[in-house]
Amino acid sequence: MWEIASASAEGQDNAYHKEGRRSGAKPLMTVASIMTHVFHKILTSHFTHLVVLNPKQKAFLLRDGCTENIFHLDLILNYHRQHFKPLYMACMNIAKAFDSVSHKTIEEILNMKGLLLPMTS
């Protein structure tokens, strides 16, 4: 399992482009990104019964978090528009924050907590 993740991190993947895109264009998706997405879904399904998550952690819950977030954003915008209240928003891309933790560190923490020992040994 960790071999897949390390191979993906090293860029050993194939890029898929939309038809008609020039060869220098950025790829639409890569095998590594698809495998990582599937890998994260598998981990989520294993962890859901072990860890109690806050409902606000939509990315880790098995539901359509994107649709819920859009709905909540629309609700907030409409409320502030109707009541003439000021609204300040900040959009942050925190996707790279999770890239800073090495797989070895994750394995050590899983072992310390006694979780998923068959997967880490």
PDB file of N, CA and C in Angstrom:
ATOM      1  N   MET A   1       0.825  -1.185   0.000  1.00  0.00           N
ATOM      2  CA  MET A   1       0.000   0.000   0.000  1.00  0.00           C
ATOM      3  C   MET A   1       0.867   1.247   0.000  1.00  0.00           C
ATOM      4  N   TRP A   2       1.872   1.295   0.879  1.00  0.00           N
ATOM      5  CA  TRP A   2       2.720   2.490   0.941  1.00  0.00           C
ATOM      6  C   TRP A   2       3.572   2.610  -0.315  1.00  0.00           C
ATOM      7  N   GLU A   3       3.818   1.457  -1.004  1.00  0.00           N
ATOM      8  CA  GLU A   3       4.590   1.508  -2.241  1.00  0.00           C
ATOM      9  C   GLU A   3       3.835   2.293  -3.303  1.00  0.00           C
ATOM     10  N   ILE A   4       2.519   2.145  -3.334  1.00  0.00           N
ATOM     11  CA  ILE A   4       1.705   2.891  -4.290  1.00  0.00           C
ATOM     12  C   ILE A   4       1.825   4.381  -4.016  1.00  0.00           C
ATOM     13  N   ALA A   5       1.699   4.742  -2.746  1.00  0.00           N
ATOM     14  CA  ALA A   5       1.763   6.156  -2.383  1.00  0.00           C
ATOM     15  C   ALA A   5       3.134   6.743  -2.684  1.00  0.00           C
ATOM     16  N   SER A   6       4.211   6.009  -2.397  1.00  0.00           N
ATOM     17  CA  SER A   6       5.551   6.545  -2.657  1.00  0.00           C
ATOM     18  C   SER A   6       5.821   6.625  -4.156  1.00  0.00           C
ATOM     19  N   ALA A   7       5.341   5.652  -4.917  1.00  0.00           N
ATOM     20  CA  ALA A   7       5.516   5.710  -6.367  1.00  0.00           C
ATOM     21  C   ALA A   7       4.769   6.904  -6.943  1.00  0.00           C
ATOM     22  N   SER A   8       3.586   7.185  -6.422  1.00  0.00           N
ATOM     23  CA  SER A   8       2.814   8.332  -6.876  1.00  0.00           C
ATOM     24  C   SER A   8       3.507   9.626  -6.509  1.00  0.00           C
ATOM     25  N   ALA A   9       4.075   9.683  -5.316  1.00  0.00           N
ATOM     26  CA  ALA A   9       4.758  10.894  -4.870  1.00  0.00           C
ATOM     27  C   ALA A   9       5.998  11.162  -5.711  1.00  0.00           C
ATOM     28  N   GLU A  10       6.604  10.112  -6.239  1.00  0.00           N
ATOM     29  CA  GLU A  10       7.793  10.268  -7.071  1.00  0.00           C
ATOM     30  C   GLU A  10       7.432  10.587  -8.517  1.00  0.00           C
ATOM     31  N   GLY A  11       6.159  10.706  -8.821  1.00  0.00           N
ATOM     32  CA  GLY A  11       5.738  11.087 -10.164  1.00  0.00           C
ATOM     33  C   GLY A  11       5.658   9.937 -11.141  1.00  0.00           C
ATOM     34  N   GLN A  12       5.597   8.718 -10.666  1.00  0.00           N
ATOM     35  CA  GLN A  12       5.505   7.564 -11.552  1.00  0.00           C
ATOM     36  C   GLN A  12       4.040   7.339 -11.903  1.00  0.00           C
ATOM     37  N   ASP A  13       3.544   8.185 -12.766  1.00  0.00           N
ATOM     38  CA  ASP A  13       2.137   8.091 -13.143  1.00  0.00           C
ATOM     39  C   ASP A  13       1.989   8.448 -14.617  1.00  0.00           C
ATOM     40  N   ASN A  14       0.832   8.191 -15.142  1.00  0.00           N
ATOM     41  CA  ASN A  14       0.523   8.523 -16.528  1.00  0.00           C
ATOM     42  C   ASN A  14      -0.502   9.636 -16.541  1.00  0.00           C
ATOM     43  N   ALA A  15      -0.297  10.608 -17.415  1.00  0.00           N
ATOM     44  CA  ALA A  15      -1.227  11.733 -17.494  1.00  0.00           C
ATOM     45  C   ALA A  15      -2.259  11.469 -18.583  1.00  0.00           C
ATOM     46  N   TYR A  16      -3.487  11.835 -18.323  1.00  0.00           N
ATOM     47  CA  TYR A  16      -4.561  11.727 -19.296  1.00  0.00           C
ATOM     48  C   TYR A  16      -5.021  13.132 -19.650  1.00  0.00           C
ATOM     49  N   HIS A  17      -5.107  13.412 -20.947  1.00  0.00           N
ATOM     50  CA  HIS A  17      -5.517  14.734 -21.414  1.00  0.00           C
ATOM     51  C   HIS A  17      -6.880  14.627 -22.079  1.00  0.00           C
ATOM     52  N   LYS A  18      -7.588  15.745 -22.095  1.00  0.00           N
ATOM     53  CA  LYS A  18      -8.819  15.788 -22.869  1.00  0.00           C
ATOM     54  C   LYS A  18      -8.440  15.703 -24.344  1.00  0.00           C
ATOM     55  N   GLU A  19      -9.343  15.183 -25.151  1.00  0.00           N
ATOM     56  CA  GLU A  19      -9.062  15.079 -26.577  1.00  0.00           C
ATOM     57  C   GLU A  19      -8.903  16.478 -27.157  1.00  0.00           C
ATOM     58  N   GLY A  20      -7.947  16.612 -28.045  1.00  0.00           N
ATOM     59  CA  GLY A  20      -7.738  17.893 -28.703  1.00  0.00           C
ATOM     60  C   GLY A  20      -6.818  18.841 -27.953  1.00  0.00           C
ATOM     61  N   ARG A  21      -6.383  18.487 -26.769  1.00  0.00           N
ATOM     62  CA  ARG A  21      -5.464  19.364 -26.028  1.00  0.00           C
ATOM     63  C   ARG A  21      -4.069  19.224 -26.617  1.00  0.00           C
ATOM     64  N   ARG A  22      -3.345  20.316 -26.596  1.00  0.00           N
ATOM     65  CA  ARG A  22      -1.969  20.268 -27.102  1.00  0.00           C
ATOM     66  C   ARG A  22      -1.083  19.497 -26.121  1.00  0.00           C
ATOM     67  N   SER A  23       0.025  19.021 -26.592  1.00  0.00           N
ATOM     68  CA  SER A  23       0.872  18.159 -25.768  1.00  0.00           C
ATOM     69  C   SER A  23       1.484  18.899 -24.587  1.00  0.00           C
ATOM     70  N   GLY A  24       1.688  20.218 -24.661  1.00  0.00           N
ATOM     71  CA  GLY A  24       2.289  20.972 -23.569  1.00  0.00           C
ATOM     72  C   GLY A  24       1.296  21.387 -22.497  1.00  0.00           C
ATOM     73  N   ALA A  25       0.015  21.093 -22.697  1.00  0.00           N
ATOM     74  CA  ALA A  25      -1.016  21.522 -21.742  1.00  0.00           C
ATOM     75  C   ALA A  25      -0.935  20.695 -20.467  1.00  0.00           C
ATOM     76  N   LYS A  26      -1.431  21.270 -19.398  1.00  0.00           N
ATOM     77  CA  LYS A  26      -1.471  20.531 -18.135  1.00  0.00           C
ATOM     78  C   LYS A  26      -2.443  19.368 -18.264  1.00  0.00           C
ATOM     79  N   PRO A  27      -2.142  18.234 -17.653  1.00  0.00           N
ATOM     80  CA  PRO A  27      -3.032  17.075 -17.768  1.00  0.00           C
ATOM     81  C   PRO A  27      -4.340  17.295 -17.021  1.00  0.00           C
ATOM     82  N   LEU A  28      -5.388  16.692 -17.524  1.00  0.00           N
ATOM     83  CA  LEU A  28      -6.689  16.746 -16.871  1.00  0.00           C
ATOM     84  C   LEU A  28      -6.649  15.965 -15.565  1.00  0.00           C
ATOM     85  N   MET A  29      -6.027  14.804 -15.578  1.00  0.00           N
ATOM     86  CA  MET A  29      -5.916  13.983 -14.373  1.00  0.00           C
ATOM     87  C   MET A  29      -4.746  13.029 -14.558  1.00  0.00           C
ATOM     88  N   THR A  30      -4.297  12.470 -13.466  1.00  0.00           N
ATOM     89  CA  THR A  30      -3.218  11.489 -13.539  1.00  0.00           C
ATOM     90  C   THR A  30      -3.661  10.230 -12.816  1.00  0.00           C
ATOM     91  N   VAL A  31      -3.011   9.130 -13.140  1.00  0.00           N
ATOM     92  CA  VAL A  31      -3.320   7.871 -12.469  1.00  0.00           C
ATOM     93  C   VAL A  31      -3.043   8.020 -10.979  1.00  0.00           C
ATOM     94  N   ALA A  32      -1.961   8.736 -10.647  1.00  0.00           N
ATOM     95  CA  ALA A  32      -1.614   8.915  -9.233  1.00  0.00           C
ATOM     96  C   ALA A  32      -2.717   9.644  -8.482  1.00  0.00           C
ATOM     97  N   SER A  33      -3.297  10.684  -9.084  1.00  0.00           N
ATOM     98  CA  SER A  33      -4.343  11.421  -8.380  1.00  0.00           C
ATOM     99  C   SER A  33      -5.595  10.569  -8.196  1.00  0.00           C
ATOM    100  N   ILE A  34      -5.916   9.755  -9.172  1.00  0.00           N
ATOM    101  CA  ILE A  34      -7.078   8.865  -9.058  1.00  0.00           C
ATOM    102  C   ILE A  34      -6.819   7.814  -7.987  1.00  0.00           C
ATOM    103  N   MET A  35      -5.605   7.227  -8.007  1.00  0.00           N
ATOM    104  CA  MET A  35      -5.268   6.205  -7.013  1.00  0.00           C
ATOM    105  C   MET A  35      -5.255   6.799  -5.608  1.00  0.00           C
ATOM    106  N   THR A  36      -4.746   8.013  -5.485  1.00  0.00           N
ATOM    107  CA  THR A  36      -4.716   8.673  -4.177  1.00  0.00           C
ATOM    108  C   THR A  36      -6.129   8.920  -3.682  1.00  0.00           C
ATOM    109  N   HIS A  37      -7.015   9.361  -4.571  1.00  0.00           N
ATOM    110  CA  HIS A  37      -8.411   9.608  -4.198  1.00  0.00           C
ATOM    111  C   HIS A  37      -9.069   8.313  -3.715  1.00  0.00           C
ATOM    112  N   VAL A  38      -8.884   7.238  -4.455  1.00  0.00           N
ATOM    113  CA  VAL A  38      -9.460   5.942  -4.071  1.00  0.00           C
ATOM    114  C   VAL A  38      -8.848   5.462  -2.756  1.00  0.00           C
ATOM    115  N   PHE A  39      -7.538   5.621  -2.614  1.00  0.00           N
ATOM    116  CA  PHE A  39      -6.837   5.240  -1.389  1.00  0.00           C
ATOM    117  C   PHE A  39      -7.406   5.995  -0.186  1.00  0.00           C
ATOM    118  N   HIS A  40      -7.646   7.287  -0.343  1.00  0.00           N
ATOM    119  CA  HIS A  40      -8.217   8.085   0.751  1.00  0.00           C
ATOM    120  C   HIS A  40      -9.629   7.617   1.102  1.00  0.00           C
ATOM    121  N   LYS A  41     -10.416   7.252   0.101  1.00  0.00           N
ATOM    122  CA  LYS A  41     -11.768   6.745   0.364  1.00  0.00           C
ATOM    123  C   LYS A  41     -11.710   5.430   1.146  1.00  0.00           C
ATOM    124  N   ILE A  42     -10.756   4.564   0.804  1.00  0.00           N
ATOM    125  CA  ILE A  42     -10.606   3.288   1.520  1.00  0.00           C
ATOM    126  C   ILE A  42     -10.214   3.543   2.967  1.00  0.00           C
ATOM    127  N   LEU A  43      -9.238   4.430   3.176  1.00  0.00           N
ATOM    128  CA  LEU A  43      -8.831   4.766   4.546  1.00  0.00           C
ATOM    129  C   LEU A  43      -9.992   5.355   5.334  1.00  0.00           C
ATOM    130  N   THR A  44     -10.762   6.226   4.697  1.00  0.00           N
ATOM    131  CA  THR A  44     -11.912   6.835   5.368  1.00  0.00           C
ATOM    132  C   THR A  44     -12.906   5.776   5.802  1.00  0.00           C
ATOM    133  N   SER A  45     -13.169   4.805   4.925  1.00  0.00           N
ATOM    134  CA  SER A  45     -14.134   3.761   5.287  1.00  0.00           C
ATOM    135  C   SER A  45     -13.638   2.920   6.464  1.00  0.00           C
ATOM    136  N   HIS A  46     -12.317   2.749   6.589  1.00  0.00           N
ATOM    137  CA  HIS A  46     -11.758   1.987   7.716  1.00  0.00           C
ATOM    138  C   HIS A  46     -11.755   2.794   9.012  1.00  0.00           C
ATOM    139  N   PHE A  47     -11.577   4.104   8.903  1.00  0.00           N
ATOM    140  CA  PHE A  47     -11.449   4.943  10.091  1.00  0.00           C
ATOM    141  C   PHE A  47     -12.784   5.424  10.660  1.00  0.00           C
ATOM    142  N   THR A  48     -13.859   5.396   9.875  1.00  0.00           N
ATOM    143  CA  THR A  48     -15.118   5.987  10.329  1.00  0.00           C
ATOM    144  C   THR A  48     -15.644   5.364  11.614  1.00  0.00           C
ATOM    145  N   HIS A  49     -15.446   4.077  11.803  1.00  0.00           N
ATOM    146  CA  HIS A  49     -15.943   3.452  13.039  1.00  0.00           C
ATOM    147  C   HIS A  49     -14.947   3.583  14.192  1.00  0.00           C
ATOM    148  N   LEU A  50     -13.710   3.987  13.914  1.00  0.00           N
ATOM    149  CA  LEU A  50     -12.692   4.131  14.955  1.00  0.00           C
ATOM    150  C   LEU A  50     -12.610   5.541  15.531  1.00  0.00           C
ATOM    151  N   VAL A  51     -12.916   6.527  14.711  1.00  0.00           N
ATOM    152  CA  VAL A  51     -12.729   7.920  15.108  1.00  0.00           C
ATOM    153  C   VAL A  51     -14.051   8.669  14.975  1.00  0.00           C
ATOM    154  N   VAL A  52     -14.407   9.426  16.002  1.00  0.00           N
ATOM    155  CA  VAL A  52     -15.603  10.267  15.934  1.00  0.00           C
ATOM    156  C   VAL A  52     -15.181  11.605  15.332  1.00  0.00           C
ATOM    157  N   LEU A  53     -15.769  11.939  14.197  1.00  0.00           N
ATOM    158  CA  LEU A  53     -15.412  13.167  13.505  1.00  0.00           C
ATOM    159  C   LEU A  53     -16.438  14.260  13.759  1.00  0.00           C
ATOM    160  N   ASN A  54     -15.959  15.480  13.746  1.00  0.00           N
ATOM    161  CA  ASN A  54     -16.830  16.635  13.830  1.00  0.00           C
ATOM    162  C   ASN A  54     -17.602  16.732  12.514  1.00  0.00           C
ATOM    163  N   PRO A  55     -18.913  16.988  12.548  1.00  0.00           N
ATOM    164  CA  PRO A  55     -19.690  17.083  11.305  1.00  0.00           C
ATOM    165  C   PRO A  55     -19.193  18.172  10.356  1.00  0.00           C
ATOM    166  N   LYS A  56     -18.418  19.134  10.874  1.00  0.00           N
ATOM    167  CA  LYS A  56     -17.894  20.200  10.019  1.00  0.00           C
ATOM    168  C   LYS A  56     -16.724  19.722   9.166  1.00  0.00           C
ATOM    169  N   GLN A  57     -16.182  18.544   9.459  1.00  0.00           N
ATOM    170  CA  GLN A  57     -15.081  17.991   8.672  1.00  0.00           C
ATOM    171  C   GLN A  57     -15.658  17.233   7.481  1.00  0.00           C
ATOM    172  N   LYS A  58     -16.222  17.969   6.557  1.00  0.00           N
ATOM    173  CA  LYS A  58     -16.969  17.384   5.452  1.00  0.00           C
ATOM    174  C   LYS A  58     -16.111  16.533   4.519  1.00  0.00           C
ATOM    175  N   ALA A  59     -14.849  16.863   4.397  1.00  0.00           N
ATOM    176  CA  ALA A  59     -13.987  16.114   3.476  1.00  0.00           C
ATOM    177  C   ALA A  59     -13.771  14.683   3.938  1.00  0.00           C
ATOM    178  N   PHE A  60     -13.951  14.417   5.227  1.00  0.00           N
ATOM    179  CA  PHE A  60     -13.694  13.091   5.763  1.00  0.00           C
ATOM    180  C   PHE A  60     -14.975  12.281   5.964  1.00  0.00           C
ATOM    181  N   LEU A  61     -16.120  12.854   5.653  1.00  0.00           N
ATOM    182  CA  LEU A  61     -17.393  12.162   5.829  1.00  0.00           C
ATOM    183  C   LEU A  61     -17.865  11.597   4.500  1.00  0.00           C
ATOM    184  N   LEU A  62     -18.548  10.468   4.541  1.00  0.00           N
ATOM    185  CA  LEU A  62     -19.044   9.836   3.330  1.00  0.00           C
ATOM    186  C   LEU A  62     -20.367  10.470   2.908  1.00  0.00           C
ATOM    187  N   ARG A  63     -20.255  11.652   2.343  1.00  0.00           N
ATOM    188  CA  ARG A  63     -21.420  12.344   1.781  1.00  0.00           C
ATOM    189  C   ARG A  63     -20.915  13.416   0.840  1.00  0.00           C
ATOM    190  N   ASP A  64     -21.832  14.090   0.181  1.00  0.00           N
ATOM    191  CA  ASP A  64     -21.451  15.099  -0.800  1.00  0.00           C
ATOM    192  C   ASP A  64     -21.150  16.417  -0.101  1.00  0.00           C
ATOM    193  N   GLY A  65     -19.944  16.544   0.409  1.00  0.00           N
ATOM    194  CA  GLY A  65     -19.538  17.742   1.138  1.00  0.00           C
ATOM    195  C   GLY A  65     -19.519  18.975   0.269  1.00  0.00           C
ATOM    196  N   CYS A  66     -19.210  18.826  -1.015  1.00  0.00           N
ATOM    197  CA  CYS A  66     -19.159  19.970  -1.921  1.00  0.00           C
ATOM    198  C   CYS A  66     -20.541  20.601  -2.053  1.00  0.00           C
ATOM    199  N   THR A  67     -21.559  19.783  -2.255  1.00  0.00           N
ATOM    200  CA  THR A  67     -22.923  20.295  -2.375  1.00  0.00           C
ATOM    201  C   THR A  67     -23.368  20.959  -1.081  1.00  0.00           C
ATOM    202  N   GLU A  68     -23.054  20.350   0.047  1.00  0.00           N
ATOM    203  CA  GLU A  68     -23.425  20.950   1.335  1.00  0.00           C
ATOM    204  C   GLU A  68     -22.732  22.286   1.545  1.00  0.00           C
ATOM    205  N   ASN A  69     -21.461  22.365   1.185  1.00  0.00           N
ATOM    206  CA  ASN A  69     -20.731  23.618   1.342  1.00  0.00           C
ATOM    207  C   ASN A  69     -21.303  24.712   0.452  1.00  0.00           C
ATOM    208  N   ILE A  70     -21.664  24.365  -0.771  1.00  0.00           N
ATOM    209  CA  ILE A  70     -22.280  25.344  -1.672  1.00  0.00           C
ATOM    210  C   ILE A  70     -23.611  25.812  -1.102  1.00  0.00           C
ATOM    211  N   PHE A  71     -24.407  24.883  -0.574  1.00  0.00           N
ATOM    212  CA  PHE A  71     -25.691  25.236   0.028  1.00  0.00           C
ATOM    213  C   PHE A  71     -25.496  26.188   1.209  1.00  0.00           C
ATOM    214  N   HIS A  72     -24.539  25.877   2.099  1.00  0.00           N
ATOM    215  CA  HIS A  72     -24.290  26.738   3.259  1.00  0.00           C
ATOM    216  C   HIS A  72     -23.775  28.109   2.846  1.00  0.00           C
ATOM    217  N   LEU A  73     -22.916  28.155   1.845  1.00  0.00           N
ATOM    218  CA  LEU A  73     -22.414  29.434   1.354  1.00  0.00           C
ATOM    219  C   LEU A  73     -23.556  30.274   0.798  1.00  0.00           C
ATOM    220  N   ASP A  74     -24.440  29.649   0.027  1.00  0.00           N
ATOM    221  CA  ASP A  74     -25.598  30.359  -0.518  1.00  0.00           C
ATOM    222  C   ASP A  74     -26.489  30.881   0.598  1.00  0.00           C
ATOM    223  N   LEU A  75     -26.702  30.074   1.625  1.00  0.00           N
ATOM    224  CA  LEU A  75     -27.517  30.490   2.771  1.00  0.00           C
ATOM    225  C   LEU A  75     -26.910  31.711   3.465  1.00  0.00           C
ATOM    226  N   ILE A  76     -25.608  31.682   3.696  1.00  0.00           N
ATOM    227  CA  ILE A  76     -24.923  32.795   4.362  1.00  0.00           C
ATOM    228  C   ILE A  76     -24.996  34.058   3.515  1.00  0.00           C
ATOM    229  N   LEU A  77     -24.728  33.920   2.217  1.00  0.00           N
ATOM    230  CA  LEU A  77     -24.770  35.088   1.335  1.00  0.00           C
ATOM    231  C   LEU A  77     -26.163  35.700   1.283  1.00  0.00           C
ATOM    232  N   ASN A  78     -27.191  34.862   1.165  1.00  0.00           N
ATOM    233  CA  ASN A  78     -28.572  35.371   1.122  1.00  0.00           C
ATOM    234  C   ASN A  78     -28.955  36.065   2.418  1.00  0.00           C
ATOM    235  N   TYR A  79     -28.574  35.492   3.554  1.00  0.00           N
ATOM    236  CA  TYR A  79     -28.892  36.105   4.848  1.00  0.00           C
ATOM    237  C   TYR A  79     -28.289  37.506   4.941  1.00  0.00           C
ATOM    238  N   HIS A  80     -27.021  37.618   4.615  1.00  0.00           N
ATOM    239  CA  HIS A  80     -26.351  38.914   4.731  1.00  0.00           C
ATOM    240  C   HIS A  80     -26.864  39.910   3.698  1.00  0.00           C
ATOM    241  N   ARG A  81     -27.252  39.438   2.535  1.00  0.00           N
ATOM    242  CA  ARG A  81     -27.816  40.313   1.510  1.00  0.00           C
ATOM    243  C   ARG A  81     -29.185  40.831   1.949  1.00  0.00           C
ATOM    244  N   GLN A  82     -30.029  39.959   2.490  1.00  0.00           N
ATOM    245  CA  GLN A  82     -31.379  40.354   2.905  1.00  0.00           C
ATOM    246  C   GLN A  82     -31.374  41.271   4.117  1.00  0.00           C
ATOM    247  N   HIS A  83     -30.424  41.081   5.030  1.00  0.00           N
ATOM    248  CA  HIS A  83     -30.389  41.874   6.259  1.00  0.00           C
ATOM    249  C   HIS A  83     -29.367  43.008   6.203  1.00  0.00           C
ATOM    250  N   PHE A  84     -28.796  43.247   5.031  1.00  0.00           N
ATOM    251  CA  PHE A  84     -27.832  44.338   4.823  1.00  0.00           C
ATOM    252  C   PHE A  84     -26.711  44.314   5.864  1.00  0.00           C
ATOM    253  N   LYS A  85     -26.222  43.144   6.129  1.00  0.00           N
ATOM    254  CA  LYS A  85     -25.128  42.996   7.097  1.00  0.00           C
ATOM    255  C   LYS A  85     -23.810  42.826   6.335  1.00  0.00           C
ATOM    256  N   PRO A  86     -22.734  43.379   6.892  1.00  0.00           N
ATOM    257  CA  PRO A  86     -21.439  43.195   6.218  1.00  0.00           C
ATOM    258  C   PRO A  86     -20.981  41.738   6.326  1.00  0.00           C
ATOM    259  N   LEU A  87     -20.284  41.305   5.325  1.00  0.00           N
ATOM    260  CA  LEU A  87     -19.784  39.932   5.302  1.00  0.00           C
ATOM    261  C   LEU A  87     -18.351  39.940   4.790  1.00  0.00           C
ATOM    262  N   TYR A  88     -17.474  39.327   5.544  1.00  0.00           N
ATOM    263  CA  TYR A  88     -16.071  39.206   5.157  1.00  0.00           C
ATOM    264  C   TYR A  88     -15.757  37.724   4.993  1.00  0.00           C
ATOM    265  N   MET A  89     -15.171  37.377   3.867  1.00  0.00           N
ATOM    266  CA  MET A  89     -14.879  35.974   3.593  1.00  0.00           C
ATOM    267  C   MET A  89     -13.425  35.816   3.189  1.00  0.00           C
ATOM    268  N   ALA A  90     -12.883  34.680   3.499  1.00  0.00           N
ATOM    269  CA  ALA A  90     -11.534  34.322   3.050  1.00  0.00           C
ATOM    270  C   ALA A  90     -11.585  32.904   2.501  1.00  0.00           C
ATOM    271  N   CYS A  91     -11.050  32.706   1.332  1.00  0.00           N
ATOM    272  CA  CYS A  91     -10.969  31.377   0.730  1.00  0.00           C
ATOM    273  C   CYS A  91      -9.514  30.933   0.769  1.00  0.00           C
ATOM    274  N   MET A  92      -9.300  29.769   1.341  1.00  0.00           N
ATOM    275  CA  MET A  92      -7.933  29.263   1.475  1.00  0.00           C
ATOM    276  C   MET A  92      -7.820  27.889   0.832  1.00  0.00           C
ATOM    277  N   ASN A  93      -6.711  27.664   0.203  1.00  0.00           N
ATOM    278  CA  ASN A  93      -6.413  26.354  -0.366  1.00  0.00           C
ATOM    279  C   ASN A  93      -5.463  25.649   0.594  1.00  0.00           C
ATOM    280  N   ILE A  94      -5.998  24.721   1.366  1.00  0.00           N
ATOM    281  CA  ILE A  94      -5.161  24.033   2.354  1.00  0.00           C
ATOM    282  C   ILE A  94      -4.794  22.621   1.903  1.00  0.00           C
ATOM    283  N   ALA A  95      -4.981  22.342   0.629  1.00  0.00           N
ATOM    284  CA  ALA A  95      -4.688  20.994   0.128  1.00  0.00           C
ATOM    285  C   ALA A  95      -3.232  20.613   0.338  1.00  0.00           C
ATOM    286  N   LYS A  96      -2.326  21.555   0.188  1.00  0.00           N
ATOM    287  CA  LYS A  96      -0.900  21.257   0.331  1.00  0.00           C
ATOM    288  C   LYS A  96      -0.492  21.048   1.783  1.00  0.00           C
ATOM    289  N   ALA A  97      -1.314  21.440   2.727  1.00  0.00           N
ATOM    290  CA  ALA A  97      -0.973  21.269   4.141  1.00  0.00           C
ATOM    291  C   ALA A  97      -0.802  19.794   4.490  1.00  0.00           C
ATOM    292  N   PHE A  98      -1.543  18.921   3.822  1.00  0.00           N
ATOM    293  CA  PHE A  98      -1.475  17.497   4.122  1.00  0.00           C
ATOM    294  C   PHE A  98      -0.284  16.824   3.448  1.00  0.00           C
ATOM    295  N   ASP A  99       0.351  17.508   2.493  1.00  0.00           N
ATOM    296  CA  ASP A  99       1.527  16.943   1.829  1.00  0.00           C
ATOM    297  C   ASP A  99       2.771  17.010   2.700  1.00  0.00           C
ATOM    298  N   SER A 100       2.729  17.793   3.780  1.00  0.00           N
ATOM    299  CA  SER A 100       3.931  18.010   4.585  1.00  0.00           C
ATOM    300  C   SER A 100       4.181  16.896   5.608  1.00  0.00           C
ATOM    301  N   VAL A 101       3.255  15.972   5.775  1.00  0.00           N
ATOM    302  CA  VAL A 101       3.434  14.877   6.734  1.00  0.00           C
ATOM    303  C   VAL A 101       3.907  13.642   5.975  1.00  0.00           C
ATOM    304  N   SER A 102       5.053  13.104   6.385  1.00  0.00           N
ATOM    305  CA  SER A 102       5.606  11.941   5.681  1.00  0.00           C
ATOM    306  C   SER A 102       4.820  10.676   6.023  1.00  0.00           C
ATOM    307  N   HIS A 103       4.906   9.699   5.148  1.00  0.00           N
ATOM    308  CA  HIS A 103       4.216   8.426   5.381  1.00  0.00           C
ATOM    309  C   HIS A 103       4.800   7.707   6.592  1.00  0.00           C
ATOM    310  N   LYS A 104       6.110   7.847   6.789  1.00  0.00           N
ATOM    311  CA  LYS A 104       6.754   7.209   7.944  1.00  0.00           C
ATOM    312  C   LYS A 104       6.172   7.751   9.245  1.00  0.00           C
ATOM    313  N   THR A 105       5.950   9.063   9.310  1.00  0.00           N
ATOM    314  CA  THR A 105       5.357   9.675  10.502  1.00  0.00           C
ATOM    315  C   THR A 105       3.947   9.143  10.733  1.00  0.00           C
ATOM    316  N   ILE A 106       3.179   9.029   9.670  1.00  0.00           N
ATOM    317  CA  ILE A 106       1.810   8.509   9.782  1.00  0.00           C
ATOM    318  C   ILE A 106       1.843   7.066  10.287  1.00  0.00           C
ATOM    319  N   GLU A 107       2.766   6.247   9.736  1.00  0.00           N
ATOM    320  CA  GLU A 107       2.900   4.853  10.187  1.00  0.00           C
ATOM    321  C   GLU A 107       3.235   4.780  11.671  1.00  0.00           C
ATOM    322  N   GLU A 108       4.177   5.612  12.109  1.00  0.00           N
ATOM    323  CA  GLU A 108       4.583   5.607  13.520  1.00  0.00           C
ATOM    324  C   GLU A 108       3.420   5.985  14.434  1.00  0.00           C
ATOM    325  N   ILE A 109       2.647   6.974  14.039  1.00  0.00           N
ATOM    326  CA  ILE A 109       1.500   7.396  14.856  1.00  0.00           C
ATOM    327  C   ILE A 109       0.444   6.299  14.892  1.00  0.00           C
ATOM    328  N   LEU A 110       0.187   5.666  13.733  1.00  0.00           N
ATOM    329  CA  LEU A 110      -0.780   4.562  13.706  1.00  0.00           C
ATOM    330  C   LEU A 110      -0.328   3.433  14.627  1.00  0.00           C
ATOM    331  N   ASN A 111       0.956   3.120  14.597  1.00  0.00           N
ATOM    332  CA  ASN A 111       1.483   2.072  15.481  1.00  0.00           C
ATOM    333  C   ASN A 111       1.369   2.473  16.943  1.00  0.00           C
ATOM    334  N   MET A 112       1.664   3.731  17.260  1.00  0.00           N
ATOM    335  CA  MET A 112       1.560   4.201  18.650  1.00  0.00           C
ATOM    336  C   MET A 112       0.129   4.102  19.160  1.00  0.00           C
ATOM    337  N   LYS A 113      -0.836   4.405  18.282  1.00  0.00           N
ATOM    338  CA  LYS A 113      -2.246   4.367  18.671  1.00  0.00           C
ATOM    339  C   LYS A 113      -2.835   2.965  18.583  1.00  0.00           C
ATOM    340  N   GLY A 114      -2.090   2.022  18.006  1.00  0.00           N
ATOM    341  CA  GLY A 114      -2.572   0.653  17.896  1.00  0.00           C
ATOM    342  C   GLY A 114      -3.606   0.467  16.801  1.00  0.00           C
ATOM    343  N   LEU A 115      -3.625   1.356  15.827  1.00  0.00           N
ATOM    344  CA  LEU A 115      -4.606   1.282  14.749  1.00  0.00           C
ATOM    345  C   LEU A 115      -4.007   0.642  13.507  1.00  0.00           C
ATOM    346  N   LEU A 116      -4.786  -0.177  12.860  1.00  0.00           N
ATOM    347  CA  LEU A 116      -4.451  -0.759  11.574  1.00  0.00           C
ATOM    348  C   LEU A 116      -3.067  -1.401  11.550  1.00  0.00           C
ATOM    349  N   LEU A 117      -2.750  -2.161  12.554  1.00  0.00           N
ATOM    350  CA  LEU A 117      -1.440  -2.811  12.614  1.00  0.00           C
ATOM    351  C   LEU A 117      -1.173  -3.726  11.423  1.00  0.00           C
ATOM    352  N   PRO A 118      -2.159  -4.492  10.926  1.00  0.00           N
ATOM    353  CA  PRO A 118      -1.875  -5.331   9.750  1.00  0.00           C
ATOM    354  C   PRO A 118      -1.461  -4.506   8.527  1.00  0.00           C
ATOM    355  N   MET A 119      -1.959  -3.288   8.420  1.00  0.00           N
ATOM    356  CA  MET A 119      -1.615  -2.453   7.275  1.00  0.00           C
ATOM    357  C   MET A 119      -0.219  -1.865   7.402  1.00  0.00           C
ATOM    358  N   THR A 120       0.244  -1.615   8.624  1.00  0.00           N
ATOM    359  CA  THR A 120       1.523  -0.937   8.803  1.00  0.00           C
ATOM    360  C   THR A 120       2.684  -1.885   9.016  1.00  0.00           C
ATOM    361  N   SER A 121       2.410  -3.146   9.339  1.00  0.00           N
ATOM    362  CA  SER A 121       3.529  -4.067   9.598  1.00  0.00           C
ATOM    363  C   SER A 121       3.921  -4.815   8.345  1.00  0.00           C
TER     364      SER A 121
END
